[in-house]
Amino acid sequence: TSMWVHSDNAKIQEAGLMAVTNIAVDPERNEVLAMGECELEAIISAARHFPLSEGLQEQTCVLLRNYTFNGGNIDIMRNNNLVFECLANALDQFPAKCGDRANFIIERLFE
C-alpha cells in the first residue's frame, strides 16, 4: 500500500519494488510466491509513471522475471495488456540494464 500512497516518488517506488523482489522468492523452499492482480497493477503503475527511471525500470524487470518462475503468475501477466508495453519501454530505454530480463519475460509470456 505504501507504493500507492507514494505513487509520485520514484525512489519510494523503486524501494517498494526491491522489497517485493526480496520476498517474492522463498529460497528455503526454492519457490516463487503467487502474485495477485493488485500486486501486478502496482508494479505496472510504477513502471508507467517513471518510464525514464533506470533503477525503477531495472527493478521492475528483475521482479517480473522472478515472478515468471510461478506458472500462475505468468497467466496473470498474460491477462494484463500493459505488461508488454512496460517491458517494451524498459527494453527500448535501458537495453543494457533491462534487455536480457525483458526479453526473457516476453519469451515466457509467449510460450
C-alpha atoms as a PDB file:
ATOM      1  CA  THR A   1       0.000   0.000   0.000  1.00  0.00           C
ATOM      2  CA  SER A   2       2.894   2.405   0.524  1.00  0.00           C
ATOM      3  CA  MET A   3       3.552   2.217  -3.211  1.00  0.00           C
ATOM      4  CA  TRP A   4       0.045   3.561  -3.883  1.00  0.00           C
ATOM      5  CA  VAL A   5       0.343   6.266  -1.196  1.00  0.00           C
ATOM      6  CA  HIS A   6       3.708   7.436  -2.579  1.00  0.00           C
ATOM      7  CA  SER A   7       2.986   6.879  -6.251  1.00  0.00           C
ATOM      8  CA  ASP A   8       4.585  10.220  -7.146  1.00  0.00           C
ATOM      9  CA  ASN A   9       8.016   9.340  -5.722  1.00  0.00           C
ATOM     10  CA  ALA A  10      10.294   7.251  -7.968  1.00  0.00           C
ATOM     11  CA  LYS A  11      12.739   6.371  -5.185  1.00  0.00           C
ATOM     12  CA  ILE A  12       9.993   5.051  -2.903  1.00  0.00           C
ATOM     13  CA  GLN A  13       8.517   3.107  -5.820  1.00  0.00           C
ATOM     14  CA  GLU A  14      11.910   1.597  -6.588  1.00  0.00           C
ATOM     15  CA  ALA A  15      12.450   0.703  -2.917  1.00  0.00           C
ATOM     16  CA  GLY A  16       8.995  -0.894  -2.825  1.00  0.00           C
ATOM     17  CA  LEU A  17       9.832  -2.998  -5.868  1.00  0.00           C
ATOM     18  CA  MET A  18      13.102  -4.060  -4.242  1.00  0.00           C
ATOM     19  CA  ALA A  19      11.273  -5.085  -1.086  1.00  0.00           C
ATOM     20  CA  VAL A  20       8.774  -7.174  -3.044  1.00  0.00           C
ATOM     21  CA  THR A  21      11.643  -8.728  -5.017  1.00  0.00           C
ATOM     22  CA  ASN A  22      13.238  -9.811  -1.751  1.00  0.00           C
ATOM     23  CA  ILE A  23      10.103 -11.554  -0.517  1.00  0.00           C
ATOM     24  CA  ALA A  24       8.821 -12.950  -3.836  1.00  0.00           C
ATOM     25  CA  VAL A  25      11.231 -15.887  -3.753  1.00  0.00           C
ATOM     26  CA  ASP A  26      11.385 -18.364  -0.874  1.00  0.00           C
ATOM     27  CA  PRO A  27      14.959 -19.674  -1.071  1.00  0.00           C
ATOM     28  CA  GLU A  28      14.415 -22.384   1.549  1.00  0.00           C
ATOM     29  CA  ARG A  29      11.603 -23.961  -0.468  1.00  0.00           C
ATOM     30  CA  ASN A  30      13.012 -22.850  -3.824  1.00  0.00           C
ATOM     31  CA  GLU A  31       9.594 -21.431  -4.697  1.00  0.00           C
ATOM     32  CA  VAL A  32       8.280 -18.203  -6.131  1.00  0.00           C
ATOM     33  CA  LEU A  33       5.236 -16.806  -4.384  1.00  0.00           C
ATOM     34  CA  ALA A  34       1.976 -16.261  -6.188  1.00  0.00           C
ATOM     35  CA  MET A  35       1.313 -12.729  -7.357  1.00  0.00           C
ATOM     36  CA  GLY A  36      -2.109 -11.133  -7.226  1.00  0.00           C
ATOM     37  CA  GLU A  37      -3.578  -8.840  -9.845  1.00  0.00           C
ATOM     38  CA  CYS A  38      -3.311  -5.897  -7.411  1.00  0.00           C
ATOM     39  CA  GLU A  39       0.407  -6.501  -6.994  1.00  0.00           C
ATOM     40  CA  LEU A  40       0.915  -6.572 -10.744  1.00  0.00           C
ATOM     41  CA  GLU A  41      -1.102  -3.379 -11.107  1.00  0.00           C
ATOM     42  CA  ALA A  42       1.143  -1.633  -8.557  1.00  0.00           C
ATOM     43  CA  ILE A  43       4.273  -2.820 -10.398  1.00  0.00           C
ATOM     44  CA  ILE A  44       2.927  -1.702 -13.767  1.00  0.00           C
ATOM     45  CA  SER A  45       1.748   1.616 -12.338  1.00  0.00           C
ATOM     46  CA  ALA A  46       5.227   2.376 -11.026  1.00  0.00           C
ATOM     47  CA  ALA A  47       6.843   1.440 -14.340  1.00  0.00           C
ATOM     48  CA  ARG A  48       4.387   3.578 -16.321  1.00  0.00           C
ATOM     49  CA  HIS A  49       4.718   6.611 -14.041  1.00  0.00           C
ATOM     50  CA  PHE A  50       8.519   6.613 -14.238  1.00  0.00           C
ATOM     51  CA  PRO A  51       9.433   5.366 -17.729  1.00  0.00           C
ATOM     52  CA  LEU A  52      12.800   7.153 -17.670  1.00  0.00           C
ATOM     53  CA  SER A  53      13.970   5.964 -14.241  1.00  0.00           C
ATOM     54  CA  GLU A  54      16.699   3.450 -14.981  1.00  0.00           C
ATOM     55  CA  GLY A  55      16.759   1.981 -11.479  1.00  0.00           C
ATOM     56  CA  LEU A  56      12.999   1.595 -11.299  1.00  0.00           C
ATOM     57  CA  GLN A  57      12.770   0.035 -14.758  1.00  0.00           C
ATOM     58  CA  GLU A  58      15.571  -2.375 -13.938  1.00  0.00           C
ATOM     59  CA  GLN A  59      13.914  -3.369 -10.666  1.00  0.00           C
ATOM     60  CA  THR A  60      10.608  -3.872 -12.467  1.00  0.00           C
ATOM     61  CA  CYS A  61      12.297  -6.306 -14.846  1.00  0.00           C
ATOM     62  CA  VAL A  62      14.082  -8.127 -12.001  1.00  0.00           C
ATOM     63  CA  LEU A  63      10.829  -8.565 -10.104  1.00  0.00           C
ATOM     64  CA  LEU A  64       8.718  -9.605 -13.081  1.00  0.00           C
ATOM     65  CA  ARG A  65      11.408 -12.068 -14.179  1.00  0.00           C
ATOM     66  CA  ASN A  66      11.381 -13.647 -10.726  1.00  0.00           C
ATOM     67  CA  TYR A  67       7.605 -13.890 -10.843  1.00  0.00           C
ATOM     68  CA  THR A  68       7.731 -15.812 -14.147  1.00  0.00           C
ATOM     69  CA  PHE A  69       9.011 -18.868 -12.283  1.00  0.00           C
ATOM     70  CA  ASN A  70       5.483 -19.450 -10.959  1.00  0.00           C
ATOM     71  CA  GLY A  71       3.121 -20.553 -13.719  1.00  0.00           C
ATOM     72  CA  GLY A  72       0.129 -18.825 -12.153  1.00  0.00           C
ATOM     73  CA  ASN A  73       1.976 -15.536 -12.261  1.00  0.00           C
ATOM     74  CA  ILE A  74       2.594 -15.929 -15.979  1.00  0.00           C
ATOM     75  CA  ASP A  75      -1.155 -16.284 -16.522  1.00  0.00           C
ATOM     76  CA  ILE A  76      -1.808 -13.093 -14.551  1.00  0.00           C
ATOM     77  CA  MET A  77       0.827 -11.230 -16.583  1.00  0.00           C
ATOM     78  CA  ARG A  78      -0.619 -12.513 -19.868  1.00  0.00           C
ATOM     79  CA  ASN A  79      -4.034 -11.155 -18.876  1.00  0.00           C
ATOM     80  CA  ASN A  80      -2.716  -7.628 -18.249  1.00  0.00           C
ATOM     81  CA  ASN A  81      -2.439  -5.733 -21.529  1.00  0.00           C
ATOM     82  CA  LEU A  82       0.053  -3.221 -20.092  1.00  0.00           C
ATOM     83  CA  VAL A  83       2.813  -5.692 -19.203  1.00  0.00           C
ATOM     84  CA  PHE A  84       4.180  -5.871 -22.732  1.00  0.00           C
ATOM     85  CA  GLU A  85       4.078  -2.066 -23.066  1.00  0.00           C
ATOM     86  CA  CYS A  86       6.142  -1.671 -19.897  1.00  0.00           C
ATOM     87  CA  LEU A  87       8.654  -4.315 -20.931  1.00  0.00           C
ATOM     88  CA  ALA A  88       9.000  -2.754 -24.383  1.00  0.00           C
ATOM     89  CA  ASN A  89       9.707   0.626 -22.774  1.00  0.00           C
ATOM     90  CA  ALA A  90      12.334  -0.821 -20.424  1.00  0.00           C
ATOM     91  CA  LEU A  91      13.955  -2.681 -23.308  1.00  0.00           C
ATOM     92  CA  ASP A  92      13.980   0.415 -25.503  1.00  0.00           C
ATOM     93  CA  GLN A  93      15.139   2.915 -22.867  1.00  0.00           C
ATOM     94  CA  PHE A  94      17.662   0.778 -20.968  1.00  0.00           C
ATOM     95  CA  PRO A  95      18.802  -2.143 -23.139  1.00  0.00           C
ATOM     96  CA  ALA A  96      21.982  -2.752 -21.131  1.00  0.00           C
ATOM     97  CA  LYS A  97      20.174  -2.957 -17.777  1.00  0.00           C
ATOM     98  CA  CYS A  98      16.823  -4.393 -18.842  1.00  0.00           C
ATOM     99  CA  GLY A  99      17.295  -6.077 -22.201  1.00  0.00           C
ATOM    100  CA  ASP A 100      18.080  -9.636 -21.154  1.00  0.00           C
ATOM    101  CA  ARG A 101      15.434  -9.744 -18.438  1.00  0.00           C
ATOM    102  CA  ALA A 102      12.731  -8.087 -20.545  1.00  0.00           C
ATOM    103  CA  ASN A 103      13.374 -10.475 -23.436  1.00  0.00           C
ATOM    104  CA  PHE A 104      13.298 -13.453 -21.050  1.00  0.00           C
ATOM    105  CA  ILE A 105       9.922 -12.341 -19.659  1.00  0.00           C
ATOM    106  CA  ILE A 106       8.491 -11.752 -23.131  1.00  0.00           C
ATOM    107  CA  GLU A 107       9.597 -15.221 -24.228  1.00  0.00           C
ATOM    108  CA  ARG A 108       7.966 -16.770 -21.148  1.00  0.00           C
ATOM    109  CA  LEU A 109       4.721 -14.910 -21.813  1.00  0.00           C
ATOM    110  CA  PHE A 110       4.528 -16.213 -25.373  1.00  0.00           C
ATOM    111  CA  GLU A 111       5.447 -19.853 -24.676  1.00  0.00           C
END
